[in-house]
C-alpha atoms as a PDB file:
ATOM      1  CA  MET A   1     -51.096 -89.131 -18.195  1.00  0.00           C
ATOM      2  CA  THR A   2     -52.479 -91.709 -15.731  1.00  0.00           C
ATOM      3  CA  GLU A   3     -53.811 -93.808 -18.605  1.00  0.00           C
ATOM      4  CA  ILE A   4     -50.396 -93.766 -20.296  1.00  0.00           C
ATOM      5  CA  LEU A   5     -48.674 -94.879 -17.082  1.00  0.00           C
ATOM      6  CA  ASN A   6     -51.172 -97.709 -16.645  1.00  0.00           C
ATOM      7  CA  GLU A   7     -50.339 -98.973 -20.116  1.00  0.00           C
ATOM      8  CA  ILE A   8     -46.581 -99.055 -19.401  1.00  0.00           C
ATOM      9  CA  ALA A   9     -45.372-102.243 -17.697  1.00  0.00           C
ATOM     10  CA  LEU A  10     -43.222-100.829 -14.925  1.00  0.00           C
ATOM     11  CA  PRO A  11     -40.682-103.163 -13.280  1.00  0.00           C
ATOM     12  CA  PRO A  12     -41.579-104.139  -9.708  1.00  0.00           C
ATOM     13  CA  PRO A  13     -39.637-102.386  -6.956  1.00  0.00           C
ATOM     14  CA  PHE A  14     -36.766-104.241  -5.309  1.00  0.00           C
ATOM     15  CA  PRO A  15     -38.211-106.412  -2.493  1.00  0.00           C
ATOM     16  CA  ASP A  16     -37.321-105.774   1.126  1.00  0.00           C
ATOM     17  CA  HIS A  17     -36.737-108.120   4.087  1.00  0.00           C
ATOM     18  CA  THR A  18     -40.478-108.590   4.679  1.00  0.00           C
ATOM     19  CA  GLN A  19     -41.043-109.829   1.127  1.00  0.00           C
ATOM     20  CA  LEU A  20     -38.156-112.288   0.872  1.00  0.00           C
ATOM     21  CA  PRO A  21     -38.102-115.830   2.348  1.00  0.00           C
ATOM     22  CA  GLU A  22     -36.524-115.987   5.785  1.00  0.00           C
ATOM     23  CA  SER A  23     -35.469-119.625   5.291  1.00  0.00           C
ATOM     24  CA  ASP A  24     -34.548-121.884   2.419  1.00  0.00           C
ATOM     25  CA  GLY A  25     -36.287-124.799   4.114  1.00  0.00           C
ATOM     26  CA  SER A  26     -33.090-126.741   4.733  1.00  0.00           C
ATOM     27  CA  PHE A  27     -32.547-128.681   7.936  1.00  0.00           C
ATOM     28  CA  VAL A  28     -30.218-127.583  10.693  1.00  0.00           C
ATOM     29  CA  LYS A  29     -26.919-129.247   9.950  1.00  0.00           C
ATOM     30  CA  ASN A  30     -26.159-130.538  13.460  1.00  0.00           C
ATOM     31  CA  PHE A  31     -27.447-130.387  17.033  1.00  0.00           C
ATOM     32  CA  GLN A  32     -24.565-128.147  18.103  1.00  0.00           C
ATOM     33  CA  GLU A  33     -25.436-125.389  15.636  1.00  0.00           C
ATOM     34  CA  HIS A  34     -28.107-123.601  17.689  1.00  0.00           C
ATOM     35  CA  PRO A  35     -26.315-123.666  21.072  1.00  0.00           C
ATOM     36  CA  GLN A  36     -23.131-122.605  19.272  1.00  0.00           C
ATOM     37  CA  SER A  37     -24.917-119.529  17.916  1.00  0.00           C
ATOM     38  CA  LEU A  38     -26.390-118.824  21.361  1.00  0.00           C
ATOM     39  CA  ILE A  39     -23.047-118.898  23.139  1.00  0.00           C
ATOM     40  CA  LEU A  40     -21.536-116.480  20.604  1.00  0.00           C
ATOM     41  CA  THR A  41     -24.450-114.039  20.743  1.00  0.00           C
ATOM     42  CA  ASP A  42     -25.000-114.139  24.498  1.00  0.00           C
ATOM     43  CA  SER A  43     -21.349-113.616  25.409  1.00  0.00           C
ATOM     44  CA  ILE A  44     -20.644-110.709  23.020  1.00  0.00           C
ATOM     45  CA  ASN A  45     -23.775-108.643  23.579  1.00  0.00           C
ATOM     46  CA  SER A  46     -22.259-106.541  26.375  1.00  0.00           C
ATOM     47  CA  THR A  47     -19.202-105.787  24.209  1.00  0.00           C
ATOM     48  CA  LEU A  48     -21.343-104.739  21.249  1.00  0.00           C
ATOM     49  CA  GLN A  49     -23.545-102.596  23.500  1.00  0.00           C
ATOM     50  CA  ARG A  50     -20.398-100.799  24.633  1.00  0.00           C
ATOM     51  CA  LEU A  51     -19.301-100.303  21.007  1.00  0.00           C
ATOM     52  CA  HIS A  52     -22.820 -99.219  19.996  1.00  0.00           C
ATOM     53  CA  PRO A  53     -24.371 -97.271  22.897  1.00  0.00           C
ATOM     54  CA  ASP A  54     -27.113 -96.209  20.478  1.00  0.00           C
ATOM     55  CA  GLY A  55     -28.025 -99.888  19.949  1.00  0.00           C
ATOM     56  CA  GLN A  56     -27.452 -99.675  16.198  1.00  0.00           C
ATOM     57  CA  TYR A  57     -26.210-103.154  15.264  1.00  0.00           C
ATOM     58  CA  CYS A  58     -27.700-106.494  14.374  1.00  0.00           C
ATOM     59  CA  ILE A  59     -26.722-110.144  14.671  1.00  0.00           C
ATOM     60  CA  GLY A  60     -27.908-112.800  12.258  1.00  0.00           C
ATOM     61  CA  GLN A  61     -28.150-116.472  13.160  1.00  0.00           C
ATOM     62  CA  ASP A  62     -28.692-118.766  10.173  1.00  0.00           C
ATOM     63  CA  CYS A  63     -30.716-116.155   8.291  1.00  0.00           C
ATOM     64  CA  GLY A  64     -30.290-115.021   4.711  1.00  0.00           C
ATOM     65  CA  ILE A  65     -28.126-112.238   3.357  1.00  0.00           C
ATOM     66  CA  TYR A  66     -29.628-111.319  -0.019  1.00  0.00           C
ATOM     67  CA  TRP A  67     -27.113-110.029  -2.557  1.00  0.00           C
ATOM     68  CA  ARG A  68     -28.923-110.459  -5.912  1.00  0.00           C
ATOM     69  CA  GLU A  69     -32.467-110.926  -7.214  1.00  0.00           C
ATOM     70  CA  THR A  70     -33.234-114.423  -8.461  1.00  0.00           C
ATOM     71  CA  GLU A  71     -36.158-116.762  -8.955  1.00  0.00           C
ATOM     72  CA  PRO A  72     -36.665-118.420  -6.588  1.00  0.00           C
ATOM     73  CA  PRO A  73     -35.343-115.671  -4.275  1.00  0.00           C
ATOM     74  CA  GLU A  74     -33.385-118.086  -2.032  1.00  0.00           C
ATOM     75  CA  LYS A  75     -30.852-118.666  -4.827  1.00  0.00           C
ATOM     76  CA  GLY A  76     -29.746-115.075  -4.458  1.00  0.00           C
ATOM     77  CA  ALA A  77     -28.900-115.393  -0.787  1.00  0.00           C
ATOM     78  CA  GLU A  78     -26.347-116.950   1.514  1.00  0.00           C
ATOM     79  CA  ALA A  79     -27.206-117.787   5.112  1.00  0.00           C
ATOM     80  CA  PRO A  80     -24.150-117.685   7.381  1.00  0.00           C
ATOM     81  CA  ASP A  81     -24.614-119.553  10.635  1.00  0.00           C
ATOM     82  CA  TRP A  82     -23.653-116.350  12.483  1.00  0.00           C
ATOM     83  CA  PHE A  83     -22.888-112.808  11.369  1.00  0.00           C
ATOM     84  CA  TYR A  84     -22.683-109.277  12.758  1.00  0.00           C
ATOM     85  CA  VAL A  85     -23.460-105.977  11.042  1.00  0.00           C
ATOM     86  CA  PRO A  86     -22.475-102.656  12.669  1.00  0.00           C
ATOM     87  CA  ASN A  87     -24.338 -99.353  12.483  1.00  0.00           C
ATOM     88  CA  VAL A  88     -27.707-100.669  11.347  1.00  0.00           C
ATOM     89  CA  PRO A  89     -30.969-100.793  13.338  1.00  0.00           C
ATOM     90  CA  PRO A  90     -31.878-104.160  14.884  1.00  0.00           C
ATOM     91  CA  ARG A  91     -35.429-103.626  13.568  1.00  0.00           C
ATOM     92  CA  LEU A  92     -36.712-101.982  10.400  1.00  0.00           C
ATOM     93  CA  ASP A  93     -39.794 -99.797  10.739  1.00  0.00           C
ATOM     94  CA  GLY A  94     -40.562-101.559  14.007  1.00  0.00           C
ATOM     95  CA  VAL A  95     -40.506-104.999  12.381  1.00  0.00           C
ATOM     96  CA  ILE A  96     -38.104-107.753  13.456  1.00  0.00           C
ATOM     97  CA  ARG A  97     -35.657-108.506  10.658  1.00  0.00           C
ATOM     98  CA  ARG A  98     -36.450-111.626   8.660  1.00  0.00           C
ATOM     99  CA  SER A  99     -33.332-111.335   6.516  1.00  0.00           C
ATOM    100  CA  TYR A 100     -30.577-108.889   5.612  1.00  0.00           C
ATOM    101  CA  VAL A 101     -30.933-107.276   2.190  1.00  0.00           C
ATOM    102  CA  LEU A 102     -27.728-105.722   0.879  1.00  0.00           C
ATOM    103  CA  TRP A 103     -29.419-103.694  -1.863  1.00  0.00           C
ATOM    104  CA  ARG A 104     -31.540-101.998   0.785  1.00  0.00           C
ATOM    105  CA  GLU A 105     -28.844-101.135   3.330  1.00  0.00           C
ATOM    106  CA  TYR A 106     -25.442-101.393   1.624  1.00  0.00           C
ATOM    107  CA  ILE A 107     -23.522-101.986   4.883  1.00  0.00           C
ATOM    108  CA  THR A 108     -21.551-105.217   4.729  1.00  0.00           C
ATOM    109  CA  PRO A 109     -21.361-107.535   7.759  1.00  0.00           C
ATOM    110  CA  THR A 110     -18.053-107.280   9.623  1.00  0.00           C
ATOM    111  CA  ILE A 111     -17.811-111.033  10.147  1.00  0.00           C
ATOM    112  CA  ALA A 112     -19.520-114.182   8.917  1.00  0.00           C
ATOM    113  CA  LEU A 113     -19.074-117.581  10.553  1.00  0.00           C
ATOM    114  CA  GLU A 114     -19.966-120.995   9.177  1.00  0.00           C
ATOM    115  CA  PHE A 115     -20.243-124.115  11.366  1.00  0.00           C
ATOM    116  CA  ALA A 116     -19.193-126.865   8.975  1.00  0.00           C
ATOM    117  CA  SER A 117     -20.604-130.337   9.592  1.00  0.00           C
ATOM    118  CA  GLY A 118     -18.319-131.874   6.982  1.00  0.00           C
ATOM    119  CA  ASP A 119     -14.724-131.130   6.107  1.00  0.00           C
ATOM    120  CA  GLY A 120     -15.384-127.493   5.182  1.00  0.00           C
ATOM    121  CA  SER A 121     -15.173-127.984   1.410  1.00  0.00           C
ATOM    122  CA  GLU A 122     -18.613-126.417   0.900  1.00  0.00           C
ATOM    123  CA  GLU A 123     -17.604-123.398   2.958  1.00  0.00           C
ATOM    124  CA  ARG A 124     -14.319-123.063   0.975  1.00  0.00           C
ATOM    125  CA  ASP A 125     -16.071-123.253  -2.396  1.00  0.00           C
ATOM    126  CA  ARG A 126     -14.639-120.525  -4.662  1.00  0.00           C
ATOM    127  CA  THR A 127     -16.828-121.320  -7.688  1.00  0.00           C
ATOM    128  CA  PRO A 128     -17.632-117.969  -9.402  1.00  0.00           C
ATOM    129  CA  LEU A 129     -20.991-116.901 -10.692  1.00  0.00           C
ATOM    130  CA  SER A 130     -21.294-118.048 -14.320  1.00  0.00           C
ATOM    131  CA  ARG A 131     -23.798-118.884 -17.030  1.00  0.00           C
ATOM    132  CA  SER A 132     -23.889-122.267 -18.781  1.00  0.00           C
ATOM    133  CA  GLU A 133     -24.264-122.805 -22.533  1.00  0.00           C
ATOM    134  CA  MET A 134     -27.961-123.428 -21.905  1.00  0.00           C
ATOM    135  CA  GLY A 135     -28.255-119.994 -20.329  1.00  0.00           C
ATOM    136  CA  GLU A 136     -28.619-121.294 -16.807  1.00  0.00           C
ATOM    137  CA  VAL A 137     -26.867-119.350 -14.062  1.00  0.00           C
ATOM    138  CA  THR A 138     -24.836-121.617 -11.785  1.00  0.00           C
ATOM    139  CA  LYS A 139     -24.937-120.987  -8.051  1.00  0.00           C
ATOM    140  CA  PRO A 140     -21.565-119.626  -6.906  1.00  0.00           C
ATOM    141  CA  GLY A 141     -19.652-120.944  -3.915  1.00  0.00           C
ATOM    142  CA  LYS A 142     -19.984-119.372  -0.472  1.00  0.00           C
ATOM    143  CA  PHE A 143     -16.327-118.399  -0.273  1.00  0.00           C
ATOM    144  CA  TRP A 144     -16.541-116.578  -3.618  1.00  0.00           C
ATOM    145  CA  VAL A 145     -19.726-114.694  -2.623  1.00  0.00           C
ATOM    146  CA  TYR A 146     -18.348-113.582   0.756  1.00  0.00           C
ATOM    147  CA  GLU A 147     -14.999-112.585  -0.755  1.00  0.00           C
ATOM    148  CA  ARG A 148     -15.875-111.106  -4.152  1.00  0.00           C
ATOM    149  CA  VAL A 149     -19.457-109.838  -3.819  1.00  0.00           C
ATOM    150  CA  MET A 150     -20.298-109.136  -0.186  1.00  0.00           C
ATOM    151  CA  ARG A 151     -16.646-108.396   0.661  1.00  0.00           C
ATOM    152  CA  ILE A 152     -17.070-109.366   4.310  1.00  0.00           C
ATOM    153  CA  PRO A 153     -13.830-108.379   6.113  1.00  0.00           C
ATOM    154  CA  TYR A 154     -13.622-111.501   8.327  1.00  0.00           C
ATOM    155  CA  TYR A 155     -14.771-114.987   7.406  1.00  0.00           C
ATOM    156  CA  GLY A 156     -14.496-117.989   9.724  1.00  0.00           C
ATOM    157  CA  ILE A 157     -14.996-121.684   9.017  1.00  0.00           C
ATOM    158  CA  TYR A 158     -15.423-123.766  12.172  1.00  0.00           C
ATOM    159  CA  ILE A 159     -15.037-127.513  11.544  1.00  0.00           C
ATOM    160  CA  VAL A 160     -17.364-128.849  14.235  1.00  0.00           C
ATOM    161  CA  SER A 161     -16.187-132.480  14.113  1.00  0.00           C
ATOM    162  CA  HIS A 162     -12.530-131.511  14.661  1.00  0.00           C
ATOM    163  CA  GLY A 163     -13.042-128.374  16.734  1.00  0.00           C
ATOM    164  CA  THR A 164     -10.748-126.403  14.425  1.00  0.00           C
ATOM    165  CA  LEU A 165     -11.166-122.853  13.185  1.00  0.00           C
ATOM    166  CA  GLU A 166      -9.985-121.284   9.927  1.00  0.00           C
ATOM    167  CA  MET A 167     -10.099-117.479   9.793  1.00  0.00           C
ATOM    168  CA  TYR A 168      -9.734-115.342   6.680  1.00  0.00           C
ATOM    169  CA  HIS A 169      -9.213-111.595   6.444  1.00  0.00           C
ATOM    170  CA  LEU A 170     -10.055-109.573   3.350  1.00  0.00           C
ATOM    171  CA  VAL A 171      -6.890-107.838   2.150  1.00  0.00           C
ATOM    172  CA  ASN A 172      -7.446-105.611  -0.901  1.00  0.00           C
ATOM    173  CA  THR A 173      -9.682-107.885  -3.002  1.00  0.00           C
ATOM    174  CA  SER A 174      -8.843-111.354  -1.689  1.00  0.00           C
ATOM    175  CA  TYR A 175      -9.093-113.385   1.502  1.00  0.00           C
ATOM    176  CA  GLU A 176      -5.829-114.196   3.252  1.00  0.00           C
ATOM    177  CA  ARG A 177      -5.617-116.997   5.815  1.00  0.00           C
ATOM    178  CA  MET A 178      -5.022-115.528   9.275  1.00  0.00           C
ATOM    179  CA  THR A 179      -2.415-116.753  11.737  1.00  0.00           C
ATOM    180  CA  PRO A 180      -3.509-117.186  15.377  1.00  0.00           C
ATOM    181  CA  ASN A 181      -1.752-115.261  18.148  1.00  0.00           C
ATOM    182  CA  GLU A 182       0.207-116.759  21.042  1.00  0.00           C
ATOM    183  CA  ARG A 183      -3.068-117.721  22.750  1.00  0.00           C
ATOM    184  CA  GLY A 184      -4.305-119.543  19.665  1.00  0.00           C
ATOM    185  CA  HIS A 185      -6.913-116.834  19.047  1.00  0.00           C
ATOM    186  CA  TYR A 186      -7.698-114.598  16.080  1.00  0.00           C
ATOM    187  CA  SER A 187      -7.962-110.862  16.655  1.00  0.00           C
ATOM    188  CA  ILE A 188     -11.110-109.281  15.202  1.00  0.00           C
ATOM    189  CA  THR A 189      -9.977-105.675  15.559  1.00  0.00           C
ATOM    190  CA  PRO A 190     -13.201-103.804  14.647  1.00  0.00           C
ATOM    191  CA  MET A 191     -15.082-105.750  17.338  1.00  0.00           C
ATOM    192  CA  GLN A 192     -12.277-105.416  19.929  1.00  0.00           C
ATOM    193  CA  VAL A 193     -12.347-109.161  20.583  1.00  0.00           C
ATOM    194  CA  GLU A 194     -10.481-112.363  19.847  1.00  0.00           C
ATOM    195  CA  LEU A 195     -12.080-115.509  18.476  1.00  0.00           C
ATOM    196  CA  GLY A 196     -10.928-119.004  19.333  1.00  0.00           C
ATOM    197  CA  VAL A 197     -11.882-122.482  20.503  1.00  0.00           C
ATOM    198  CA  TRP A 198     -12.759-123.312  24.134  1.00  0.00           C
ATOM    199  CA  ARG A 199     -13.442-126.629  25.829  1.00  0.00           C
ATOM    200  CA  GLY A 200     -16.239-126.709  28.354  1.00  0.00           C
ATOM    201  CA  ILE A 201     -19.910-127.321  29.148  1.00  0.00           C
ATOM    202  CA  PHE A 202     -22.715-125.117  27.827  1.00  0.00           C
ATOM    203  CA  LEU A 203     -26.402-125.595  28.666  1.00  0.00           C
ATOM    204  CA  ASN A 204     -27.159-129.333  28.845  1.00  0.00           C
ATOM    205  CA  ASN A 205     -24.459-130.301  26.359  1.00  0.00           C
ATOM    206  CA  PRO A 206     -21.552-132.471  27.513  1.00  0.00           C
ATOM    207  CA  GLU A 207     -18.057-131.055  27.693  1.00  0.00           C
ATOM    208  CA  GLN A 208     -16.861-130.347  24.173  1.00  0.00           C
ATOM    209  CA  LEU A 209     -15.200-127.718  21.992  1.00  0.00           C
ATOM    210  CA  TRP A 210     -16.985-124.436  21.336  1.00  0.00           C
ATOM    211  CA  LEU A 211     -16.271-121.311  19.332  1.00  0.00           C
ATOM    212  CA  ARG A 212     -15.878-118.477  21.876  1.00  0.00           C
ATOM    213  CA  TRP A 213     -14.924-114.804  22.234  1.00  0.00           C
ATOM    214  CA  TRP A 214     -12.178-113.342  24.411  1.00  0.00           C
ATOM    215  CA  ASP A 215     -11.291-109.713  25.033  1.00  0.00           C
ATOM    216  CA  LEU A 216      -8.013-108.359  23.697  1.00  0.00           C
ATOM    217  CA  ASP A 217      -6.304-109.206  27.024  1.00  0.00           C
ATOM    218  CA  GLY A 218      -7.250-112.853  26.686  1.00  0.00           C
ATOM    219  CA  ASN A 219     -10.148-112.892  29.170  1.00  0.00           C
ATOM    220  CA  LEU A 220     -13.025-115.168  28.195  1.00  0.00           C
ATOM    221  CA  LEU A 221     -16.282-113.294  27.526  1.00  0.00           C
ATOM    222  CA  LEU A 222     -18.940-114.924  29.668  1.00  0.00           C
ATOM    223  CA  THR A 223     -22.542-115.702  28.870  1.00  0.00           C
ATOM    224  CA  GLY A 224     -25.231-114.360  31.184  1.00  0.00           C
ATOM    225  CA  HIS A 225     -25.666-117.812  32.738  1.00  0.00           C
ATOM    226  CA  GLU A 226     -21.923-118.142  33.355  1.00  0.00           C
ATOM    227  CA  GLN A 227     -21.790-114.684  34.947  1.00  0.00           C
ATOM    228  CA  VAL A 228     -24.713-115.502  37.257  1.00  0.00           C
ATOM    229  CA  ASP A 229     -23.091-118.826  38.174  1.00  0.00           C
ATOM    230  CA  ILE A 230     -19.797-117.125  39.059  1.00  0.00           C
ATOM    231  CA  GLU A 231     -21.595-114.511  41.182  1.00  0.00           C
ATOM    232  CA  ARG A 232     -23.489-117.300  42.956  1.00  0.00           C
ATOM    233  CA  GLN A 233     -20.250-119.160  43.678  1.00  0.00           C
ATOM    234  CA  GLU A 234     -18.631-115.975  44.993  1.00  0.00           C
ATOM    235  CA  LYS A 235     -21.576-115.366  47.330  1.00  0.00           C
ATOM    236  CA  GLU A 236     -21.456-118.974  48.555  1.00  0.00           C
ATOM    237  CA  GLN A 237     -17.712-118.701  49.187  1.00  0.00           C
ATOM    238  CA  ALA A 238     -18.171-115.401  51.052  1.00  0.00           C
ATOM    239  CA  LEU A 239     -20.944-116.968  53.179  1.00  0.00           C
ATOM    240  CA  GLN A 240     -18.795-120.017  53.927  1.00  0.00           C
ATOM    241  CA  GLN A 241     -15.900-117.755  54.923  1.00  0.00           C
ATOM    242  CA  LEU A 242     -18.202-115.748  57.219  1.00  0.00           C
ATOM    243  CA  GLU A 243     -19.521-118.939  58.846  1.00  0.00           C
ATOM    244  CA  GLN A 244     -15.946-120.205  59.385  1.00  0.00           C
ATOM    245  CA  GLU A 245     -14.966-116.905  61.019  1.00  0.00           C
ATOM    246  CA  GLN A 246     -18.021-117.063  63.297  1.00  0.00           C
ATOM    247  CA  GLN A 247     -17.152-120.641  64.287  1.00  0.00           C
ATOM    248  CA  LYS A 248     -13.583-119.568  65.098  1.00  0.00           C
ATOM    249  CA  ARG A 249     -14.858-116.711  67.296  1.00  0.00           C
ATOM    250  CA  GLN A 250     -17.250-119.059  69.090  1.00  0.00           C
ATOM    251  CA  GLN A 251     -14.463-121.606  69.681  1.00  0.00           C
ATOM    252  CA  LEU A 252     -12.171-118.858  70.971  1.00  0.00           C
ATOM    253  CA  ALA A 253     -14.869-117.560  73.314  1.00  0.00           C
ATOM    254  CA  GLN A 254     -15.444-121.055  74.710  1.00  0.00           C
ATOM    255  CA  ARG A 255     -11.719-121.569  75.290  1.00  0.00           C
ATOM    256  CA  LEU A 256     -11.422-118.227  77.081  1.00  0.00           C
ATOM    257  CA  LYS A 257     -14.387-119.047  79.329  1.00  0.00           C
ATOM    258  CA  SER A 258     -12.601-122.230  80.404  1.00  0.00           C
ATOM    259  CA  LEU A 259      -9.613-120.235  81.715  1.00  0.00           C
ATOM    260  CA  THR A 260      -9.298-119.029  85.328  1.00  0.00           C
ATOM    261  CA  PRO A 261      -9.312-115.289  86.130  1.00  0.00           C
ATOM    262  CA  GLU A 262      -5.562-115.524  86.814  1.00  0.00           C
ATOM    263  CA  GLN A 263      -4.918-117.093  83.393  1.00  0.00           C
ATOM    264  CA  LEU A 264      -7.029-114.445  81.704  1.00  0.00           C
ATOM    265  CA  GLN A 265      -5.206-111.698  83.600  1.00  0.00           C
ATOM    266  CA  ALA A 266      -1.890-113.156  82.424  1.00  0.00           C
ATOM    267  CA  LEU A 267      -3.193-112.839  78.860  1.00  0.00           C
ATOM    268  CA  GLY A 268      -4.220-109.225  79.525  1.00  0.00           C
ATOM    269  CA  ILE A 269      -7.946-110.037  79.301  1.00  0.00           C
ATOM    270  CA  ASP A 270     -10.487-108.637  81.758  1.00  0.00           C
ATOM    271  CA  ALA A 271     -12.622-111.569  82.963  1.00  0.00           C
ATOM    272  CA  GLU A 272     -15.650-109.320  83.353  1.00  0.00           C
ATOM    273  CA  MET A 273     -15.642-108.599  79.618  1.00  0.00           C
ATOM    274  CA  LEU A 274     -16.482-112.254  78.943  1.00  0.00           C
ATOM    275  CA  ASN A 275     -19.661-112.180  81.070  1.00  0.00           C
END
């Protein structure tokens, strides 16, 4: 039986995340891409930890989501600039994820975000998967893959140069363009957050527009650095207030010491209490 099996050419097993390329070798599209991913991840971690007290979720930052087997493998993947998958372990068998392989886990990301350096035409590409007359398979557009194959419920295209955000929600089988609320934000219900654009300073970058999260009441979700900075300012303000109160007490004590016993008695103050 063993000899018979050795003679049969068995197909190789489907590869996992450790066997697939973690990068397609392309350059980062702009200098804002990495800090933009950081600000999104850092500020939402506490919210996701509350939603997943067991820690079962993962966040991808410019890493591949494999949806079909191809040669080379990178042609069967899309790499959103930022995405979130609920109810999956952050590591697999103790190994840090190198990619997300749909045929291994089956759980679709809840949201995928693209930071478009151009006008967003690449991110809106609806070209379907097809085969040419020569038998070559054409690479489908990102929009088509996210909508028709991966079926990611929320898809966002952030036009970095304009600071504008387009959000799409999967309704039945197609993406529908979302309308922002009265705050100009988009509600991402499964994550219990809103997504919108914020102007400010992050890390050593000058003031500019950033993609940010808010809670459902419209409160900005802070990064760890921002939270520490606010706590530091509150402590400094409390210390300044304490110093001002001490100065006022010292000034009052000096004024009282300058009064005669008769003046103090008229104020109902025992002069001996000041000694």
